[in-house]
Amino acid sequence: GAEMFGDSTVAFINKGTEDGVQVGQAYAVYEEYSTDVMSDKVDFGSLLVLHAEPTNATVLITRSDRTIRAAGKFRSASSSQHL
C-alpha cells in the first residue's frame, strides 16, 4: 500500500525479466517536463534491482532527491531506454 518512497526503501516495480530487467542493474528515476515546444527528462533518484521475476522486480531505492511516487518513471542509468 505505500504510495511514496525515499532513500533506502525496498519497493516493487511492474517490469521484470520479460522487459530486460536483471538483478544488479541500476536505473535512474526521472520526471518528464513538457511544453508545447520541447520535452525534458530530469533524474532525481536511482534504484538497484535486488530480485527479478518475469513481470515484476524488487528494487532498493539508493538515492532520492525528493519523494518518489508509486507511478514514478525510471530508465537505464547508462542509456536513454525508458521503462
C-alpha atoms as a PDB file:
ATOM      1  CA  GLY A   1       0.000   0.000   0.000  1.00  0.00           C
ATOM      2  CA  ALA A   2       2.736   2.658   0.139  1.00  0.00           C
ATOM      3  CA  GLU A   3       2.316   5.437  -2.421  1.00  0.00           C
ATOM      4  CA  MET A   4       5.530   7.408  -1.748  1.00  0.00           C
ATOM      5  CA  PHE A   5       9.104   6.208  -1.316  1.00  0.00           C
ATOM      6  CA  GLY A   6      12.518   7.588  -0.361  1.00  0.00           C
ATOM      7  CA  ASP A   7      16.149   6.596   0.263  1.00  0.00           C
ATOM      8  CA  SER A   8      16.807   3.020   1.416  1.00  0.00           C
ATOM      9  CA  THR A   9      13.242   1.875   0.709  1.00  0.00           C
ATOM     10  CA  VAL A  10      12.550  -1.543  -0.797  1.00  0.00           C
ATOM     11  CA  ALA A  11       9.851  -1.281  -3.475  1.00  0.00           C
ATOM     12  CA  PHE A  12       8.345  -3.266  -6.325  1.00  0.00           C
ATOM     13  CA  ILE A  13       8.162  -2.315  -9.998  1.00  0.00           C
ATOM     14  CA  ASN A  14       5.859  -3.652 -12.720  1.00  0.00           C
ATOM     15  CA  LYS A  15       8.719  -4.539 -15.043  1.00  0.00           C
ATOM     16  CA  GLY A  16      10.691  -7.760 -14.971  1.00  0.00           C
ATOM     17  CA  THR A  17      12.925 -10.133 -16.900  1.00  0.00           C
ATOM     18  CA  GLU A  18      10.478 -10.119 -19.845  1.00  0.00           C
ATOM     19  CA  ASP A  19      11.291  -6.385 -20.127  1.00  0.00           C
ATOM     20  CA  GLY A  20      15.051  -6.888 -19.796  1.00  0.00           C
ATOM     21  CA  VAL A  21      15.272  -6.085 -16.068  1.00  0.00           C
ATOM     22  CA  GLN A  22      18.005  -8.134 -14.359  1.00  0.00           C
ATOM     23  CA  VAL A  23      19.361  -8.421 -10.814  1.00  0.00           C
ATOM     24  CA  GLY A  24      22.142  -5.916 -10.169  1.00  0.00           C
ATOM     25  CA  GLN A  25      21.037  -3.362 -12.754  1.00  0.00           C
ATOM     26  CA  ALA A  26      20.852   0.281 -11.724  1.00  0.00           C
ATOM     27  CA  TYR A  27      18.172   2.648 -13.015  1.00  0.00           C
ATOM     28  CA  ALA A  28      17.631   6.385 -12.802  1.00  0.00           C
ATOM     29  CA  VAL A  29      14.275   7.671 -11.546  1.00  0.00           C
ATOM     30  CA  TYR A  30      13.146  10.665 -13.586  1.00  0.00           C
ATOM     31  CA  GLU A  31      10.376  13.147 -14.134  1.00  0.00           C
ATOM     32  CA  GLU A  32       9.369  14.433 -17.542  1.00  0.00           C
ATOM     33  CA  TYR A  33       8.571  18.068 -18.174  1.00  0.00           C
ATOM     34  CA  SER A  34       6.842  19.036 -21.404  1.00  0.00           C
ATOM     35  CA  THR A  35       5.943  22.305 -23.058  1.00  0.00           C
ATOM     36  CA  ASP A  36       4.422  22.996 -26.458  1.00  0.00           C
ATOM     37  CA  VAL A  37       7.931  23.251 -27.886  1.00  0.00           C
ATOM     38  CA  MET A  38      10.100  20.703 -26.057  1.00  0.00           C
ATOM     39  CA  SER A  39      10.315  17.873 -23.572  1.00  0.00           C
ATOM     40  CA  ASP A  40      12.957  17.332 -20.885  1.00  0.00           C
ATOM     41  CA  LYS A  41      13.652  14.428 -18.535  1.00  0.00           C
ATOM     42  CA  VAL A  42      15.232  15.224 -15.160  1.00  0.00           C
ATOM     43  CA  ASP A  43      16.748  12.476 -12.999  1.00  0.00           C
ATOM     44  CA  PHE A  44      16.079  12.819  -9.268  1.00  0.00           C
ATOM     45  CA  GLY A  45      16.788   9.361  -7.892  1.00  0.00           C
ATOM     46  CA  SER A  46      18.193   5.915  -8.515  1.00  0.00           C
ATOM     47  CA  LEU A  47      17.327   2.321  -7.775  1.00  0.00           C
ATOM     48  CA  LEU A  48      19.046  -1.055  -7.784  1.00  0.00           C
ATOM     49  CA  VAL A  49      17.335  -4.315  -8.814  1.00  0.00           C
ATOM     50  CA  LEU A  50      17.509  -6.873  -5.985  1.00  0.00           C
ATOM     51  CA  HIS A  51      15.304  -9.627  -7.448  1.00  0.00           C
ATOM     52  CA  ALA A  52      13.560 -10.056 -10.802  1.00  0.00           C
ATOM     53  CA  GLU A  53      10.601 -12.184 -11.870  1.00  0.00           C
ATOM     54  CA  PRO A  54       9.165 -12.321 -15.420  1.00  0.00           C
ATOM     55  CA  THR A  55       6.758  -9.373 -14.962  1.00  0.00           C
ATOM     56  CA  ASN A  56       7.963  -7.568 -11.810  1.00  0.00           C
ATOM     57  CA  ALA A  57      11.033  -6.878  -9.713  1.00  0.00           C
ATOM     58  CA  THR A  58      12.082  -5.918  -6.205  1.00  0.00           C
ATOM     59  CA  VAL A  59      14.277  -2.813  -6.050  1.00  0.00           C
ATOM     60  CA  LEU A  60      16.156  -0.780  -3.468  1.00  0.00           C
ATOM     61  CA  ILE A  61      15.895   2.976  -3.817  1.00  0.00           C
ATOM     62  CA  THR A  62      19.514   4.043  -3.426  1.00  0.00           C
ATOM     63  CA  ARG A  63      19.004   7.793  -3.879  1.00  0.00           C
ATOM     64  CA  SER A  64      16.058  10.157  -3.941  1.00  0.00           C
ATOM     65  CA  ASP A  65      16.434  13.920  -4.078  1.00  0.00           C
ATOM     66  CA  ARG A  66      12.702  14.124  -3.365  1.00  0.00           C
ATOM     67  CA  THR A  67       9.789  11.765  -2.774  1.00  0.00           C
ATOM     68  CA  ILE A  68       9.312   9.073  -5.403  1.00  0.00           C
ATOM     69  CA  ARG A  69       5.646   8.363  -6.122  1.00  0.00           C
ATOM     70  CA  ALA A  70       4.292   4.907  -6.954  1.00  0.00           C
ATOM     71  CA  ALA A  71       3.719   5.883 -10.601  1.00  0.00           C
ATOM     72  CA  GLY A  72       7.314   7.115 -10.971  1.00  0.00           C
ATOM     73  CA  LYS A  73       9.240   6.551 -14.189  1.00  0.00           C
ATOM     74  CA  PHE A  74      12.687   5.018 -14.438  1.00  0.00           C
ATOM     75  CA  ARG A  75      15.241   4.459 -17.166  1.00  0.00           C
ATOM     76  CA  SER A  76      18.529   2.712 -17.658  1.00  0.00           C
ATOM     77  CA  ALA A  77      21.279   4.657 -15.906  1.00  0.00           C
ATOM     78  CA  SER A  78      23.624   4.105 -18.869  1.00  0.00           C
ATOM     79  CA  SER A  79      21.240   4.943 -21.742  1.00  0.00           C
ATOM     80  CA  SER A  80      18.035   6.707 -22.616  1.00  0.00           C
ATOM     81  CA  GLN A  81      15.952   3.482 -22.595  1.00  0.00           C
ATOM     82  CA  HIS A  82      12.746   4.203 -20.672  1.00  0.00           C
ATOM     83  CA  LEU A  83      10.828   1.591 -18.682  1.00  0.00           C
END
